[in-house]
Amino acid sequence: MNLDELKQKLRTYKKEDIKITSHADMQAYVREINVEEVKENITNP
């Protein structure tokens, strides 16, 4: 899978479908990033 294919696949996910692990949640907190922003960045690379 190349980068363009990956971006297309990520766009098909809904924010509600993305599960944030406790580790990812902690990393977002340490980096002072909102978890919703993380989900937005995943669905719109």
PDB file of N, CA and C in Angstrom:
ATOM      1  N   MET A   1       0.855  -1.168   0.000  1.00  0.00           N
ATOM      2  CA  MET A   1       0.000   0.000   0.000  1.00  0.00           C
ATOM      3  C   MET A   1       0.906   1.237   0.000  1.00  0.00           C
ATOM      4  N   ASN A   2       0.661   2.121  -0.934  1.00  0.00           N
ATOM      5  CA  ASN A   2       1.458   3.352  -0.969  1.00  0.00           C
ATOM      6  C   ASN A   2       0.770   4.449  -0.147  1.00  0.00           C
ATOM      7  N   LEU A   3       1.419   5.576  -0.052  1.00  0.00           N
ATOM      8  CA  LEU A   3       0.932   6.667   0.800  1.00  0.00           C
ATOM      9  C   LEU A   3      -0.440   7.177   0.361  1.00  0.00           C
ATOM     10  N   ASP A   4      -0.652   7.326  -0.934  1.00  0.00           N
ATOM     11  CA  ASP A   4      -1.947   7.820  -1.415  1.00  0.00           C
ATOM     12  C   ASP A   4      -3.072   6.849  -1.081  1.00  0.00           C
ATOM     13  N   GLU A   5      -2.804   5.558  -1.206  1.00  0.00           N
ATOM     14  CA  GLU A   5      -3.819   4.558  -0.863  1.00  0.00           C
ATOM     15  C   GLU A   5      -4.135   4.601   0.630  1.00  0.00           C
ATOM     16  N   LEU A   6      -3.110   4.778   1.436  1.00  0.00           N
ATOM     17  CA  LEU A   6      -3.313   4.873   2.883  1.00  0.00           C
ATOM     18  C   LEU A   6      -4.162   6.092   3.235  1.00  0.00           C
ATOM     19  N   LYS A   7      -3.865   7.229   2.632  1.00  0.00           N
ATOM     20  CA  LYS A   7      -4.645   8.446   2.895  1.00  0.00           C
ATOM     21  C   LYS A   7      -6.103   8.247   2.507  1.00  0.00           C
ATOM     22  N   GLN A   8      -6.342   7.596   1.367  1.00  0.00           N
ATOM     23  CA  GLN A   8      -7.717   7.338   0.931  1.00  0.00           C
ATOM     24  C   GLN A   8      -8.443   6.456   1.945  1.00  0.00           C
ATOM     25  N   LYS A   9      -7.762   5.414   2.416  1.00  0.00           N
ATOM     26  CA  LYS A   9      -8.380   4.501   3.378  1.00  0.00           C
ATOM     27  C   LYS A   9      -8.679   5.215   4.699  1.00  0.00           C
ATOM     28  N   LEU A  10      -7.766   6.048   5.168  1.00  0.00           N
ATOM     29  CA  LEU A  10      -7.987   6.769   6.423  1.00  0.00           C
ATOM     30  C   LEU A  10      -9.185   7.704   6.323  1.00  0.00           C
ATOM     31  N   ARG A  11      -9.416   8.263   5.162  1.00  0.00           N
ATOM     32  CA  ARG A  11     -10.555   9.180   4.984  1.00  0.00           C
ATOM     33  C   ARG A  11     -11.898   8.472   5.101  1.00  0.00           C
ATOM     34  N   THR A  12     -11.915   7.152   4.947  1.00  0.00           N
ATOM     35  CA  THR A  12     -13.184   6.416   5.028  1.00  0.00           C
ATOM     36  C   THR A  12     -13.627   6.177   6.471  1.00  0.00           C
ATOM     37  N   TYR A  13     -12.728   6.363   7.435  1.00  0.00           N
ATOM     38  CA  TYR A  13     -13.071   6.157   8.840  1.00  0.00           C
ATOM     39  C   TYR A  13     -13.832   7.354   9.391  1.00  0.00           C
ATOM     40  N   LYS A  14     -14.719   7.068  10.325  1.00  0.00           N
ATOM     41  CA  LYS A  14     -15.428   8.123  11.049  1.00  0.00           C
ATOM     42  C   LYS A  14     -14.694   8.349  12.363  1.00  0.00           C
ATOM     43  N   LYS A  15     -14.755   9.571  12.854  1.00  0.00           N
ATOM     44  CA  LYS A  15     -14.087   9.881  14.124  1.00  0.00           C
ATOM     45  C   LYS A  15     -14.605   8.992  15.255  1.00  0.00           C
ATOM     46  N   GLU A  16     -15.886   8.645  15.210  1.00  0.00           N
ATOM     47  CA  GLU A  16     -16.476   7.811  16.255  1.00  0.00           C
ATOM     48  C   GLU A  16     -15.897   6.400  16.244  1.00  0.00           C
ATOM     49  N   ASP A  17     -15.382   5.957  15.092  1.00  0.00           N
ATOM     50  CA  ASP A  17     -14.837   4.605  14.962  1.00  0.00           C
ATOM     51  C   ASP A  17     -13.411   4.488  15.486  1.00  0.00           C
ATOM     52  N   ILE A  18     -12.741   5.598  15.689  1.00  0.00           N
ATOM     53  CA  ILE A  18     -11.342   5.582  16.106  1.00  0.00           C
ATOM     54  C   ILE A  18     -11.267   5.433  17.621  1.00  0.00           C
ATOM     55  N   LYS A  19     -10.568   4.403  18.052  1.00  0.00           N
ATOM     56  CA  LYS A  19     -10.397   4.131  19.482  1.00  0.00           C
ATOM     57  C   LYS A  19      -9.044   4.683  19.916  1.00  0.00           C
ATOM     58  N   ILE A  20      -9.047   5.471  20.953  1.00  0.00           N
ATOM     59  CA  ILE A  20      -7.821   6.046  21.499  1.00  0.00           C
ATOM     60  C   ILE A  20      -7.433   5.237  22.737  1.00  0.00           C
ATOM     61  N   THR A  21      -6.250   4.653  22.711  1.00  0.00           N
ATOM     62  CA  THR A  21      -5.779   3.866  23.850  1.00  0.00           C
ATOM     63  C   THR A  21      -5.389   4.796  24.994  1.00  0.00           C
ATOM     64  N   SER A  22      -5.238   4.215  26.163  1.00  0.00           N
ATOM     65  CA  SER A  22      -4.830   5.028  27.311  1.00  0.00           C
ATOM     66  C   SER A  22      -3.445   5.624  27.077  1.00  0.00           C
ATOM     67  N   HIS A  23      -2.579   4.867  26.398  1.00  0.00           N
ATOM     68  CA  HIS A  23      -1.239   5.387  26.089  1.00  0.00           C
ATOM     69  C   HIS A  23      -1.340   6.592  25.142  1.00  0.00           C
ATOM     70  N   ALA A  24      -2.152   6.480  24.107  1.00  0.00           N
ATOM     71  CA  ALA A  24      -2.319   7.590  23.160  1.00  0.00           C
ATOM     72  C   ALA A  24      -2.950   8.791  23.850  1.00  0.00           C
ATOM     73  N   ASP A  25      -3.894   8.531  24.737  1.00  0.00           N
ATOM     74  CA  ASP A  25      -4.534   9.611  25.484  1.00  0.00           C
ATOM     75  C   ASP A  25      -3.507  10.332  26.365  1.00  0.00           C
ATOM     76  N   MET A  26      -2.652   9.558  27.002  1.00  0.00           N
ATOM     77  CA  MET A  26      -1.614  10.138  27.852  1.00  0.00           C
ATOM     78  C   MET A  26      -0.615  10.950  27.017  1.00  0.00           C
ATOM     79  N   GLN A  27      -0.242  10.430  25.862  1.00  0.00           N
ATOM     80  CA  GLN A  27       0.694  11.143  24.994  1.00  0.00           C
ATOM     81  C   GLN A  27       0.089  12.455  24.503  1.00  0.00           C
ATOM     82  N   ALA A  28      -1.190  12.442  24.176  1.00  0.00           N
ATOM     83  CA  ALA A  28      -1.861  13.669  23.752  1.00  0.00           C
ATOM     84  C   ALA A  28      -1.852  14.690  24.885  1.00  0.00           C
ATOM     85  N   TYR A  29      -2.086  14.221  26.106  1.00  0.00           N
ATOM     86  CA  TYR A  29      -2.070  15.110  27.271  1.00  0.00           C
ATOM     87  C   TYR A  29      -0.685  15.721  27.469  1.00  0.00           C
ATOM     88  N   VAL A  30       0.354  14.880  27.404  1.00  0.00           N
ATOM     89  CA  VAL A  30       1.729  15.360  27.601  1.00  0.00           C
ATOM     90  C   VAL A  30       2.105  16.374  26.528  1.00  0.00           C
ATOM     91  N   ARG A  31       1.648  16.124  25.309  1.00  0.00           N
ATOM     92  CA  ARG A  31       1.973  17.026  24.190  1.00  0.00           C
ATOM     93  C   ARG A  31       1.004  18.199  24.093  1.00  0.00           C
ATOM     94  N   GLU A  32       0.050  18.237  25.033  1.00  0.00           N
ATOM     95  CA  GLU A  32      -0.957  19.299  25.073  1.00  0.00           C
ATOM     96  C   GLU A  32      -1.756  19.383  23.774  1.00  0.00           C
ATOM     97  N   ILE A  33      -2.177  18.214  23.304  1.00  0.00           N
ATOM     98  CA  ILE A  33      -2.986  18.110  22.091  1.00  0.00           C
ATOM     99  C   ILE A  33      -4.347  17.541  22.492  1.00  0.00           C
ATOM    100  N   ASN A  34      -5.402  18.111  21.954  1.00  0.00           N
ATOM    101  CA  ASN A  34      -6.749  17.625  22.199  1.00  0.00           C
ATOM    102  C   ASN A  34      -6.943  16.297  21.463  1.00  0.00           C
ATOM    103  N   VAL A  35      -7.569  15.317  22.113  1.00  0.00           N
ATOM    104  CA  VAL A  35      -7.797  14.005  21.510  1.00  0.00           C
ATOM    105  C   VAL A  35      -8.659  14.132  20.256  1.00  0.00           C
ATOM    106  N   GLU A  36      -9.601  15.053  20.256  1.00  0.00           N
ATOM    107  CA  GLU A  36     -10.428  15.260  19.064  1.00  0.00           C
ATOM    108  C   GLU A  36      -9.577  15.745  17.890  1.00  0.00           C
ATOM    109  N   GLU A  37      -8.561  16.529  18.183  1.00  0.00           N
ATOM    110  CA  GLU A  37      -7.649  16.986  17.136  1.00  0.00           C
ATOM    111  C   GLU A  37      -6.860  15.809  16.567  1.00  0.00           C
ATOM    112  N   VAL A  38      -6.484  14.878  17.423  1.00  0.00           N
ATOM    113  CA  VAL A  38      -5.780  13.673  16.969  1.00  0.00           C
ATOM    114  C   VAL A  38      -6.670  12.891  16.007  1.00  0.00           C
ATOM    115  N   LYS A  39      -7.930  12.705  16.384  1.00  0.00           N
ATOM    116  CA  LYS A  39      -8.869  11.984  15.518  1.00  0.00           C
ATOM    117  C   LYS A  39      -9.058  12.714  14.194  1.00  0.00           C
ATOM    118  N   GLU A  40      -9.143  14.029  14.250  1.00  0.00           N
ATOM    119  CA  GLU A  40      -9.291  14.833  13.030  1.00  0.00           C
ATOM    120  C   GLU A  40      -8.080  14.648  12.123  1.00  0.00           C
ATOM    121  N   ASN A  41      -6.897  14.620  12.708  1.00  0.00           N
ATOM    122  CA  ASN A  41      -5.678  14.441  11.921  1.00  0.00           C
ATOM    123  C   ASN A  41      -5.595  13.053  11.298  1.00  0.00           C
ATOM    124  N   ILE A  42      -6.183  12.056  11.955  1.00  0.00           N
ATOM    125  CA  ILE A  42      -6.193  10.705  11.394  1.00  0.00           C
ATOM    126  C   ILE A  42      -7.152  10.631  10.218  1.00  0.00           C
ATOM    127  N   THR A  43      -8.334  11.221  10.367  1.00  0.00           N
ATOM    128  CA  THR A  43      -9.337  11.123   9.303  1.00  0.00           C
ATOM    129  C   THR A  43      -9.088  12.091   8.157  1.00  0.00           C
ATOM    130  N   ASN A  44      -8.266  13.101   8.383  1.00  0.00           N
ATOM    131  CA  ASN A  44      -7.922  14.066   7.331  1.00  0.00           C
ATOM    132  C   ASN A  44      -6.406  14.255   7.286  1.00  0.00           C
ATOM    133  N   PRO A  45      -5.702  13.233   6.755  1.00  0.00           N
ATOM    134  CA  PRO A  45      -4.232  13.316   6.750  1.00  0.00           C
ATOM    135  C   PRO A  45      -3.713  14.391   5.815  1.00  0.00           C
TER     136      PRO A  45
END
